[in-house]
Amino acid sequence: MVDCKKCKVSDLTWDQTYHENTGQWRLYDPAKEQPHKCPVIPKPIPVKMTVCPKCNPLTRKPISAKKLQDHIKKEHIDWVEE
């Protein structure tokens, strides 16, 4: 028995009949009596990072592009309250 490297499902076997017919290997699930199909595993969406143009270039660090506007409002704009 082998494990699927993508989805970590165990108790699979190599499909010898498929290999003899096509020359390619595939995993077979004997419990379902059909070829193994990995479930769709969503890929993580990369977070776009940027640097604040108003921060000190020597000390600034990358921040999420979504948080840039809030950062500028809180750190660089002086709000005058009357």
C-alpha atoms as a PDB file:
ATOM      1  CA  MET A   1       0.000   0.000   0.000  1.00  0.00           C
ATOM      2  CA  VAL A   2       1.179   3.509  -0.807  1.00  0.00           C
ATOM      3  CA  ASP A   3       0.164   7.064   0.107  1.00  0.00           C
ATOM      4  CA  CYS A   4      -0.738   9.855  -2.297  1.00  0.00           C
ATOM      5  CA  LYS A   5       1.910  12.576  -2.060  1.00  0.00           C
ATOM      6  CA  LYS A   6      -0.528  15.355  -2.969  1.00  0.00           C
ATOM      7  CA  CYS A   7      -3.507  14.704  -0.693  1.00  0.00           C
ATOM      8  CA  LYS A   8      -1.947  12.224   1.817  1.00  0.00           C
ATOM      9  CA  VAL A   9      -4.638   9.545   1.262  1.00  0.00           C
ATOM     10  CA  SER A  10      -3.339   6.128   2.308  1.00  0.00           C
ATOM     11  CA  ASP A  11      -4.131   2.519   1.359  1.00  0.00           C
ATOM     12  CA  LEU A  12      -3.722   3.009  -2.398  1.00  0.00           C
ATOM     13  CA  THR A  13      -2.002   0.671  -4.829  1.00  0.00           C
ATOM     14  CA  TRP A  14      -0.289   1.132  -8.178  1.00  0.00           C
ATOM     15  CA  ASP A  15      -2.533   0.209 -11.101  1.00  0.00           C
ATOM     16  CA  GLN A  16      -0.580  -2.580 -12.837  1.00  0.00           C
ATOM     17  CA  THR A  17      -3.219  -3.167 -15.547  1.00  0.00           C
ATOM     18  CA  TYR A  18      -3.232   0.511 -16.543  1.00  0.00           C
ATOM     19  CA  HIS A  19       0.572   0.461 -16.696  1.00  0.00           C
ATOM     20  CA  GLU A  20       0.600  -2.587 -18.960  1.00  0.00           C
ATOM     21  CA  ASN A  21      -1.892  -0.955 -21.345  1.00  0.00           C
ATOM     22  CA  THR A  22      -0.563   2.613 -21.429  1.00  0.00           C
ATOM     23  CA  GLY A  23       2.988   2.530 -20.060  1.00  0.00           C
ATOM     24  CA  GLN A  24       2.052   5.081 -17.372  1.00  0.00           C
ATOM     25  CA  TRP A  25       1.515   4.517 -13.670  1.00  0.00           C
ATOM     26  CA  ARG A  26      -1.477   5.751 -11.688  1.00  0.00           C
ATOM     27  CA  LEU A  27      -2.787   5.157  -8.184  1.00  0.00           C
ATOM     28  CA  TYR A  28      -5.757   2.879  -7.707  1.00  0.00           C
ATOM     29  CA  ASP A  29      -8.164   2.896  -4.744  1.00  0.00           C
ATOM     30  CA  PRO A  30      -9.160  -0.719  -4.024  1.00  0.00           C
ATOM     31  CA  ALA A  31     -11.856   0.339  -1.515  1.00  0.00           C
ATOM     32  CA  LYS A  32     -13.737   2.306  -4.210  1.00  0.00           C
ATOM     33  CA  GLU A  33     -12.580   0.012  -7.023  1.00  0.00           C
ATOM     34  CA  GLN A  34     -11.633   2.947  -9.217  1.00  0.00           C
ATOM     35  CA  PRO A  35      -8.591   5.120  -9.995  1.00  0.00           C
ATOM     36  CA  HIS A  36      -7.606   7.578  -7.287  1.00  0.00           C
ATOM     37  CA  LYS A  37      -8.560  11.194  -7.958  1.00  0.00           C
ATOM     38  CA  CYS A  38      -7.090  13.828  -5.673  1.00  0.00           C
ATOM     39  CA  PRO A  39      -9.636  16.266  -4.261  1.00  0.00           C
ATOM     40  CA  VAL A  40      -9.215  19.847  -5.364  1.00  0.00           C
ATOM     41  CA  ILE A  41      -6.790  21.450  -2.936  1.00  0.00           C
ATOM     42  CA  PRO A  42      -6.954  25.242  -3.176  1.00  0.00           C
ATOM     43  CA  LYS A  43      -3.643  26.963  -3.667  1.00  0.00           C
ATOM     44  CA  PRO A  44      -2.949  29.822  -1.270  1.00  0.00           C
ATOM     45  CA  ILE A  45      -3.356  33.239  -2.853  1.00  0.00           C
ATOM     46  CA  PRO A  46      -0.074  35.135  -2.594  1.00  0.00           C
ATOM     47  CA  VAL A  47      -0.299  38.350  -0.611  1.00  0.00           C
ATOM     48  CA  LYS A  48       0.943  41.345  -2.562  1.00  0.00           C
ATOM     49  CA  MET A  49       3.496  43.166  -0.435  1.00  0.00           C
ATOM     50  CA  THR A  50       4.602  46.763  -0.802  1.00  0.00           C
ATOM     51  CA  VAL A  51       6.537  49.381   1.136  1.00  0.00           C
ATOM     52  CA  CYS A  52       5.189  52.654   2.410  1.00  0.00           C
ATOM     53  CA  PRO A  53       6.533  55.567   0.342  1.00  0.00           C
ATOM     54  CA  LYS A  54       6.283  57.916   3.354  1.00  0.00           C
ATOM     55  CA  CYS A  55       8.241  55.799   5.853  1.00  0.00           C
ATOM     56  CA  ASN A  56      11.981  56.156   6.449  1.00  0.00           C
ATOM     57  CA  PRO A  57      13.730  54.152   3.677  1.00  0.00           C
ATOM     58  CA  LEU A  58      16.272  52.780   6.169  1.00  0.00           C
ATOM     59  CA  THR A  59      13.715  51.380   8.607  1.00  0.00           C
ATOM     60  CA  ARG A  60      10.596  50.644   6.547  1.00  0.00           C
ATOM     61  CA  LYS A  61       9.360  47.101   6.204  1.00  0.00           C
ATOM     62  CA  PRO A  62       7.088  45.501   3.619  1.00  0.00           C
ATOM     63  CA  ILE A  63       3.387  45.527   4.468  1.00  0.00           C
ATOM     64  CA  SER A  64       0.340  44.078   2.798  1.00  0.00           C
ATOM     65  CA  ALA A  65      -0.973  46.218  -0.066  1.00  0.00           C
ATOM     66  CA  LYS A  66      -4.447  46.037   1.479  1.00  0.00           C
ATOM     67  CA  LYS A  67      -3.164  47.566   4.738  1.00  0.00           C
ATOM     68  CA  LEU A  68      -1.147  50.366   3.111  1.00  0.00           C
ATOM     69  CA  GLN A  69      -3.994  52.893   3.042  1.00  0.00           C
ATOM     70  CA  ASP A  70      -4.845  52.326   6.719  1.00  0.00           C
ATOM     71  CA  HIS A  71      -1.155  52.590   7.629  1.00  0.00           C
ATOM     72  CA  ILE A  72      -0.805  55.957   5.876  1.00  0.00           C
ATOM     73  CA  LYS A  73      -3.951  57.296   7.552  1.00  0.00           C
ATOM     74  CA  LYS A  74      -2.809  56.247  11.024  1.00  0.00           C
ATOM     75  CA  GLU A  75       0.913  56.943  10.828  1.00  0.00           C
ATOM     76  CA  HIS A  76       1.446  59.790   8.372  1.00  0.00           C
ATOM     77  CA  ILE A  77      -1.645  61.994   8.290  1.00  0.00           C
ATOM     78  CA  ASP A  78      -2.220  64.232  11.275  1.00  0.00           C
ATOM     79  CA  TRP A  79      -5.940  64.476  11.830  1.00  0.00           C
ATOM     80  CA  VAL A  80      -6.976  67.743  13.415  1.00  0.00           C
ATOM     81  CA  GLU A  81      -9.874  67.349  15.788  1.00  0.00           C
ATOM     82  CA  GLU A  82     -11.902  70.414  16.586  1.00  0.00           C
END
